[in-house]
């Protein structure tokens, strides 16, 4: 497998992890009520990632990776709940 195809394969794996994180969040928490709430939650996740970046002295990057996946999941949740106004719920 060449480097390009390997990167695509790894990206697909990461997308599956983001999907699982998103599914867990949707199961645990109600939809965002407003863009302000969605932004606040997304901002909190970014702050948690930043904390891991600043504190990464001896970590192998696993904590940063976990937080980055949570950021991606909440960004998608923002699109679903706010930008698309929950349209996907009517299509189930």
N, C-alpha and C. Protein backbone atom coordinates (compact mmCIF):
# COMPACT_ATOMS: atom_id res chain seq x y z
N UNK A 1 0.86 -1.17 0.00
CA UNK A 1 0.00 0.00 0.00
C UNK A 1 0.91 1.24 0.00
N UNK A 2 0.67 2.14 -0.97
CA UNK A 2 1.50 3.34 -1.01
C UNK A 2 1.09 4.32 0.11
N UNK A 3 1.90 5.34 0.30
CA UNK A 3 1.70 6.27 1.41
C UNK A 3 0.34 6.97 1.35
N UNK A 4 -0.09 7.37 0.17
CA UNK A 4 -1.37 8.05 0.00
C UNK A 4 -2.52 7.14 0.43
N UNK A 5 -2.52 5.91 -0.05
CA UNK A 5 -3.59 4.98 0.31
C UNK A 5 -3.55 4.62 1.79
N UNK A 6 -2.36 4.56 2.35
CA UNK A 6 -2.23 4.28 3.78
C UNK A 6 -2.83 5.44 4.59
N UNK A 7 -2.57 6.68 4.18
CA UNK A 7 -3.14 7.84 4.87
C UNK A 7 -4.66 7.82 4.80
N UNK A 8 -5.20 7.48 3.63
CA UNK A 8 -6.66 7.41 3.47
C UNK A 8 -7.23 6.32 4.37
N UNK A 9 -6.55 5.19 4.44
CA UNK A 9 -7.02 4.09 5.30
C UNK A 9 -7.05 4.54 6.76
N UNK A 10 -5.98 5.18 7.21
CA UNK A 10 -5.93 5.66 8.59
C UNK A 10 -6.99 6.73 8.85
N UNK A 11 -7.22 7.62 7.89
CA UNK A 11 -8.25 8.65 8.03
C UNK A 11 -9.63 8.01 8.16
N UNK A 12 -9.87 6.97 7.40
CA UNK A 12 -11.15 6.26 7.49
C UNK A 12 -11.33 5.66 8.88
N UNK A 13 -10.28 5.10 9.42
CA UNK A 13 -10.32 4.54 10.78
C UNK A 13 -10.63 5.63 11.80
N UNK A 14 -10.00 6.77 11.66
CA UNK A 14 -10.25 7.89 12.58
C UNK A 14 -11.70 8.37 12.45
N UNK A 15 -12.21 8.44 11.23
CA UNK A 15 -13.61 8.85 11.03
C UNK A 15 -14.57 7.88 11.73
N UNK A 16 -14.24 6.62 11.74
CA UNK A 16 -15.08 5.65 12.44
C UNK A 16 -15.05 5.90 13.95
N UNK A 17 -13.90 6.29 14.48
CA UNK A 17 -13.80 6.62 15.90
C UNK A 17 -14.61 7.88 16.22
N UNK A 18 -14.55 8.87 15.33
CA UNK A 18 -15.33 10.09 15.51
C UNK A 18 -16.82 9.74 15.48
N UNK A 19 -17.22 8.88 14.54
CA UNK A 19 -18.62 8.45 14.46
C UNK A 19 -19.06 7.79 15.76
N UNK A 20 -18.22 6.94 16.32
CA UNK A 20 -18.57 6.27 17.58
C UNK A 20 -18.68 7.27 18.73
N UNK A 21 -17.79 8.25 18.77
CA UNK A 21 -17.84 9.29 19.80
C UNK A 21 -19.10 10.12 19.65
N UNK A 22 -19.45 10.46 18.42
CA UNK A 22 -20.66 11.21 18.15
C UNK A 22 -21.89 10.42 18.57
N UNK A 23 -21.95 9.15 18.24
CA UNK A 23 -23.08 8.30 18.62
C UNK A 23 -23.23 8.24 20.13
N UNK A 24 -22.13 8.14 20.84
CA UNK A 24 -22.17 8.11 22.30
C UNK A 24 -22.71 9.42 22.86
N UNK A 25 -22.25 10.55 22.31
CA UNK A 25 -22.71 11.86 22.78
C UNK A 25 -24.20 12.05 22.50
N UNK A 26 -24.65 11.60 21.33
CA UNK A 26 -26.07 11.74 20.97
C UNK A 26 -26.93 10.91 21.91
N UNK A 27 -26.42 9.74 22.28
CA UNK A 27 -27.16 8.87 23.19
C UNK A 27 -27.23 9.46 24.61
N UNK A 28 -26.16 10.11 25.05
CA UNK A 28 -26.08 10.62 26.43
C UNK A 28 -26.70 12.00 26.62
N UNK A 29 -26.64 12.85 25.59
CA UNK A 29 -27.00 14.25 25.76
C UNK A 29 -28.02 14.69 24.72
N UNK A 30 -28.91 15.61 25.08
CA UNK A 30 -29.90 16.12 24.11
C UNK A 30 -29.22 16.99 23.06
N UNK A 31 -29.93 17.29 21.97
CA UNK A 31 -29.37 18.16 20.93
C UNK A 31 -29.02 19.54 21.48
N UNK A 32 -28.11 20.22 20.81
CA UNK A 32 -27.79 21.59 21.18
C UNK A 32 -29.05 22.44 21.00
N UNK A 33 -29.33 23.30 21.96
CA UNK A 33 -30.50 24.17 21.90
C UNK A 33 -30.29 25.41 21.05
N UNK A 34 -29.03 25.81 20.90
CA UNK A 34 -28.73 27.04 20.17
C UNK A 34 -27.29 27.00 19.68
N UNK A 35 -26.99 27.91 18.77
CA UNK A 35 -25.61 28.03 18.30
C UNK A 35 -24.68 28.42 19.45
N UNK A 36 -25.17 29.25 20.37
CA UNK A 36 -24.35 29.65 21.51
C UNK A 36 -23.99 28.44 22.37
N UNK A 37 -24.97 27.57 22.63
CA UNK A 37 -24.69 26.38 23.44
C UNK A 37 -23.72 25.45 22.69
N UNK A 38 -23.97 25.24 21.40
CA UNK A 38 -23.08 24.38 20.62
C UNK A 38 -21.67 24.91 20.59
N UNK A 39 -21.53 26.23 20.41
CA UNK A 39 -20.21 26.84 20.42
C UNK A 39 -19.53 26.66 21.77
N UNK A 40 -20.28 26.84 22.85
CA UNK A 40 -19.70 26.70 24.19
C UNK A 40 -19.18 25.29 24.42
N UNK A 41 -19.94 24.30 23.99
CA UNK A 41 -19.51 22.91 24.17
C UNK A 41 -18.30 22.61 23.29
N UNK A 42 -18.35 23.06 22.05
CA UNK A 42 -17.21 22.85 21.15
C UNK A 42 -15.97 23.57 21.69
N UNK A 43 -16.15 24.78 22.19
CA UNK A 43 -15.05 25.53 22.77
C UNK A 43 -14.45 24.81 23.99
N UNK A 44 -15.32 24.24 24.80
CA UNK A 44 -14.85 23.48 25.97
C UNK A 44 -13.99 22.29 25.53
N UNK A 45 -14.42 21.60 24.48
CA UNK A 45 -13.63 20.47 23.98
C UNK A 45 -12.29 20.94 23.43
N UNK A 46 -12.27 22.06 22.72
CA UNK A 46 -11.02 22.61 22.21
C UNK A 46 -10.10 23.01 23.37
N UNK A 47 -10.67 23.59 24.42
CA UNK A 47 -9.88 23.95 25.60
C UNK A 47 -9.26 22.71 26.24
N UNK A 48 -10.02 21.61 26.29
CA UNK A 48 -9.49 20.37 26.85
C UNK A 48 -8.35 19.83 25.99
N UNK A 49 -8.48 19.95 24.67
CA UNK A 49 -7.38 19.56 23.78
C UNK A 49 -6.17 20.44 24.03
N UNK A 50 -6.38 21.73 24.15
CA UNK A 50 -5.28 22.67 24.39
C UNK A 50 -4.58 22.33 25.71
N UNK A 51 -5.35 21.99 26.75
CA UNK A 51 -4.75 21.58 28.02
C UNK A 51 -3.83 20.38 27.84
N UNK A 52 -4.27 19.41 27.05
CA UNK A 52 -3.45 18.22 26.80
C UNK A 52 -2.21 18.58 25.99
N UNK A 53 -2.34 19.51 25.05
CA UNK A 53 -1.19 19.94 24.26
C UNK A 53 -0.16 20.60 25.19
N UNK A 54 -0.61 21.50 26.06
CA UNK A 54 0.30 22.20 26.96
C UNK A 54 0.95 21.26 27.97
N UNK A 55 0.22 20.23 28.39
CA UNK A 55 0.71 19.33 29.43
C UNK A 55 1.44 18.11 28.88
N UNK A 56 1.61 18.05 27.58
CA UNK A 56 2.20 16.88 26.95
C UNK A 56 3.72 16.88 27.08
N UNK A 57 4.19 16.47 28.23
CA UNK A 57 5.64 16.41 28.44
C UNK A 57 6.15 14.98 28.22
N UNK A 58 5.40 14.01 28.68
CA UNK A 58 5.86 12.62 28.59
C UNK A 58 4.79 11.70 28.01
N UNK A 59 3.74 12.28 27.47
CA UNK A 59 2.62 11.50 26.94
C UNK A 59 2.95 11.06 25.52
N UNK A 60 2.40 9.95 25.12
CA UNK A 60 2.61 9.45 23.76
C UNK A 60 1.62 10.07 22.76
N UNK A 61 0.82 11.02 23.22
CA UNK A 61 -0.14 11.68 22.36
C UNK A 61 -1.53 11.08 22.43
N UNK A 62 -1.72 10.04 23.21
CA UNK A 62 -3.02 9.36 23.29
C UNK A 62 -4.10 10.29 23.86
N UNK A 63 -3.76 11.09 24.85
CA UNK A 63 -4.76 12.00 25.43
C UNK A 63 -5.13 13.10 24.44
N UNK A 64 -4.13 13.62 23.72
CA UNK A 64 -4.41 14.63 22.70
C UNK A 64 -5.30 14.05 21.61
N UNK A 65 -5.02 12.84 21.21
CA UNK A 65 -5.79 12.18 20.17
C UNK A 65 -7.24 12.01 20.61
N UNK A 66 -7.43 11.58 21.84
CA UNK A 66 -8.79 11.39 22.38
C UNK A 66 -9.55 12.71 22.36
N UNK A 67 -8.91 13.79 22.81
CA UNK A 67 -9.56 15.09 22.83
C UNK A 67 -9.84 15.60 21.41
N UNK A 68 -8.91 15.36 20.48
CA UNK A 68 -9.12 15.80 19.09
C UNK A 68 -10.31 15.08 18.47
N UNK A 69 -10.48 13.81 18.79
CA UNK A 69 -11.64 13.06 18.29
C UNK A 69 -12.92 13.63 18.89
N UNK A 70 -12.89 14.03 20.15
CA UNK A 70 -14.07 14.65 20.76
C UNK A 70 -14.38 15.99 20.12
N UNK A 71 -13.36 16.77 19.78
CA UNK A 71 -13.57 18.04 19.08
C UNK A 71 -14.25 17.78 17.74
N UNK A 72 -13.75 16.80 16.99
CA UNK A 72 -14.34 16.48 15.69
C UNK A 72 -15.80 16.05 15.84
N UNK A 73 -16.08 15.22 16.83
CA UNK A 73 -17.45 14.75 17.05
C UNK A 73 -18.38 15.91 17.40
N UNK A 74 -17.93 16.83 18.23
CA UNK A 74 -18.78 17.97 18.60
C UNK A 74 -18.95 18.94 17.45
N UNK A 75 -17.95 19.06 16.58
CA UNK A 75 -18.09 19.90 15.39
C UNK A 75 -19.17 19.32 14.47
N UNK A 76 -19.17 18.01 14.32
CA UNK A 76 -20.22 17.37 13.51
C UNK A 76 -21.57 17.55 14.18
N UNK A 77 -21.61 17.41 15.49
CA UNK A 77 -22.88 17.59 16.21
C UNK A 77 -23.40 19.01 16.00
N UNK A 78 -22.53 20.00 15.99
CA UNK A 78 -22.93 21.37 15.73
C UNK A 78 -23.61 21.47 14.35
N UNK A 79 -22.99 20.86 13.35
CA UNK A 79 -23.57 20.88 12.00
C UNK A 79 -24.94 20.20 12.01
N UNK A 80 -25.03 19.04 12.63
CA UNK A 80 -26.31 18.31 12.67
C UNK A 80 -27.40 19.09 13.38
N UNK A 81 -27.10 19.59 14.58
CA UNK A 81 -28.13 20.20 15.43
C UNK A 81 -28.41 21.66 15.09
N UNK A 82 -27.41 22.39 14.67
CA UNK A 82 -27.56 23.83 14.46
C UNK A 82 -27.61 24.18 12.96
N UNK A 83 -26.55 23.86 12.25
CA UNK A 83 -26.48 24.25 10.84
C UNK A 83 -27.56 23.57 10.01
N UNK A 84 -27.76 22.26 10.24
CA UNK A 84 -28.79 21.53 9.49
C UNK A 84 -30.11 21.46 10.25
N UNK A 85 -30.15 22.08 11.42
CA UNK A 85 -31.37 22.20 12.23
C UNK A 85 -32.08 20.85 12.45
N UNK A 86 -31.31 19.80 12.63
CA UNK A 86 -31.88 18.49 12.94
C UNK A 86 -32.63 17.83 11.80
N UNK A 87 -32.42 18.28 10.56
CA UNK A 87 -33.14 17.72 9.41
C UNK A 87 -32.99 16.20 9.31
N UNK A 88 -31.82 15.70 9.72
CA UNK A 88 -31.57 14.27 9.62
C UNK A 88 -32.54 13.45 10.50
N UNK A 89 -33.08 14.04 11.54
CA UNK A 89 -34.00 13.32 12.41
C UNK A 89 -35.30 12.96 11.69
N UNK A 90 -35.68 13.76 10.73
CA UNK A 90 -36.90 13.51 9.96
C UNK A 90 -36.70 12.44 8.89
N UNK A 91 -35.46 12.09 8.64
CA UNK A 91 -35.17 11.13 7.58
C UNK A 91 -34.97 9.72 8.12
N UNK A 92 -35.10 9.52 9.39
CA UNK A 92 -34.89 8.18 9.97
C UNK A 92 -36.10 7.34 9.81
